Structures are given as structure tokens and as C-alpha cells.
Amino acid sequence: MSSVMEMKVSMKKGVGFYIRAASSFLKGIEAKEATEGKEAVEAKAPVDELKISGLGEAINTAVTAASRAEADGFGTITKVETAYPDMNNGRGCAQIFITVKRKA
């Protein structure tokens, strides 16, 4: 059974946040005990496929997060799609979808 996760990128958080999130999704998270001032973290298995999407100005952030995950060796970019959907105000807005598969 393959697991797929979708990550929607926005401009509200910095690019570093999305780079760390993508690497956490692709390599998984180890369990950590509760320490002074910090909560316990449960282990999470890595996902087989991560779909990163960005709209408008967030396209650069989405591309950077995906290419950094590939450069760091966590996965490979297998598919890139672009779209130009109509928005409520009548104008379109560019959109990108990037699929990253985890390296075995």
C-alpha cells in the first residue's frame, strides 16, 4: 500500500519551513521522549509520494522545496504539471503541481 501526502504551499511561511516539511514527509519522523519543556513526539512513517502544489507567487517556494528534497537525496521529482485555473475575480492565476517519489 503506497501512501500519498499533499502539501499545499503558500507565502505565509518561509521556504525553510516547506523544505523541512518535505524532508520530514519523505524520510519519516523518529519518536522522541518528552523532555523538560518539550512534548513527546510519536514516530511517523515516511510517505511514498509527496504532491507539492503552489498557487501564484508561491510557485517559487514549491519548486524550491521540491528541488531541495531531490538534491538532499530524499526523493526524485517524477512529474511536474502546470495549470491556469479561473479565479472568483475573473482573472486566472498560475498553479504548479510537483510529484516527488521517495527513494527506496
Protein backbone atom coordinates (compact mmCIF):
# COMPACT_ATOMS: atom_id res chain seq x y z
CA MET A 1 0.00 0.00 0.00
CA SER A 2 1.53 3.29 -1.04
CA SER A 3 0.91 6.42 0.99
CA VAL A 4 0.42 9.77 -0.70
CA MET A 5 0.55 13.15 1.05
CA GLU A 6 -0.38 16.52 -0.43
CA MET A 7 1.43 19.67 0.68
CA LYS A 8 -0.13 23.00 -0.30
CA VAL A 9 2.45 25.78 -0.29
CA SER A 10 1.59 29.41 0.49
CA MET A 11 3.52 32.63 1.01
CA LYS A 12 2.57 32.82 4.71
CA LYS A 13 5.51 30.66 5.81
CA GLY A 14 9.12 30.83 4.68
CA VAL A 15 10.74 28.47 2.20
CA GLY A 16 12.75 26.82 5.01
CA PHE A 17 9.54 25.60 6.65
CA TYR A 18 8.44 23.81 3.48
CA ILE A 19 11.91 22.33 2.90
CA ARG A 20 11.87 20.86 6.43
CA ALA A 21 8.27 19.65 6.00
CA ALA A 22 9.05 17.92 2.69
CA SER A 23 12.10 16.18 4.16
CA SER A 24 10.06 15.09 7.21
CA PHE A 25 7.33 13.62 4.99
CA LEU A 26 9.83 11.76 2.79
CA LYS A 27 12.15 10.39 5.49
CA GLY A 28 9.67 9.99 8.35
CA ILE A 29 9.91 11.14 11.95
CA GLU A 30 11.51 9.20 14.80
CA ALA A 31 9.76 9.01 18.17
CA LYS A 32 11.12 11.28 20.89
CA GLU A 33 10.52 11.12 24.62
CA ALA A 34 9.12 14.11 26.47
CA THR A 35 11.88 16.27 27.92
CA GLU A 36 11.82 19.33 30.10
CA GLY A 37 9.76 21.97 28.30
CA LYS A 38 9.09 19.80 25.22
CA GLU A 39 6.27 17.39 24.44
CA ALA A 40 6.76 13.80 23.33
CA VAL A 41 6.73 13.21 19.56
CA GLU A 42 5.32 9.98 18.14
CA ALA A 43 7.01 8.23 15.23
CA LYS A 44 5.56 8.74 11.76
CA ALA A 45 6.32 6.54 8.77
CA PRO A 46 7.63 8.15 5.58
CA VAL A 47 5.23 8.67 2.69
CA ASP A 48 5.90 7.04 -0.68
CA GLU A 49 4.75 10.04 -2.71
CA LEU A 50 4.56 13.74 -1.87
CA LYS A 51 2.47 16.07 -4.03
CA ILE A 52 3.53 19.70 -3.65
CA SER A 53 1.27 22.42 -5.06
CA GLY A 54 1.69 26.18 -5.21
CA LEU A 55 -0.53 28.97 -6.50
CA GLY A 56 0.66 32.32 -7.87
CA GLU A 57 3.71 33.70 -6.08
CA ALA A 58 4.03 30.50 -4.03
CA ILE A 59 5.20 28.64 -7.16
CA ASN A 60 8.83 29.58 -6.46
CA THR A 61 8.55 28.24 -2.91
CA ALA A 62 7.01 24.96 -4.13
CA VAL A 63 9.74 24.49 -6.75
CA THR A 64 12.48 25.26 -4.22
CA ALA A 65 11.09 22.78 -1.67
CA ALA A 66 10.79 20.00 -4.29
CA SER A 67 14.22 20.58 -5.84
CA ARG A 68 15.87 20.77 -2.42
CA ALA A 69 14.26 17.45 -1.40
CA GLU A 70 15.67 15.91 -4.58
CA ALA A 71 19.11 17.50 -4.09
CA ASP A 72 19.28 16.22 -0.49
CA GLY A 73 18.56 12.68 -1.72
CA PHE A 74 15.16 12.18 -0.09
CA GLY A 75 13.28 11.60 -3.35
CA THR A 76 13.08 12.20 -7.07
CA ILE A 77 10.79 14.57 -8.95
CA THR A 78 8.67 12.35 -11.20
CA LYS A 79 6.02 14.72 -12.52
CA VAL A 80 5.53 18.47 -12.96
CA GLU A 81 2.18 19.90 -14.09
CA THR A 82 1.06 23.48 -14.56
CA ALA A 83 -2.43 24.91 -14.73
CA TYR A 84 -4.09 28.28 -15.09
CA PRO A 85 -7.46 27.93 -13.31
CA ASP A 86 -10.09 30.69 -13.35
CA MET A 87 -10.47 32.52 -10.05
CA ASN A 88 -13.51 34.24 -8.49
CA ASN A 89 -12.46 37.71 -9.67
CA GLY A 90 -12.46 36.61 -13.33
CA ARG A 91 -8.68 36.56 -13.70
CA GLY A 92 -6.66 33.39 -13.85
CA CYS A 93 -3.74 32.52 -11.60
CA ALA A 94 -0.83 30.21 -12.39
CA GLN A 95 -0.60 26.96 -10.44
CA ILE A 96 2.00 24.18 -10.25
CA PHE A 97 1.80 20.56 -9.10
CA ILE A 98 5.05 18.69 -8.39
CA THR A 99 5.14 14.97 -7.54
CA VAL A 100 8.14 13.71 -5.56
CA LYS A 101 8.61 9.95 -5.03
CA ARG A 102 10.61 8.76 -2.05
CA LYS A 103 13.87 6.98 -2.80
CA ALA A 104 13.80 3.37 -1.62
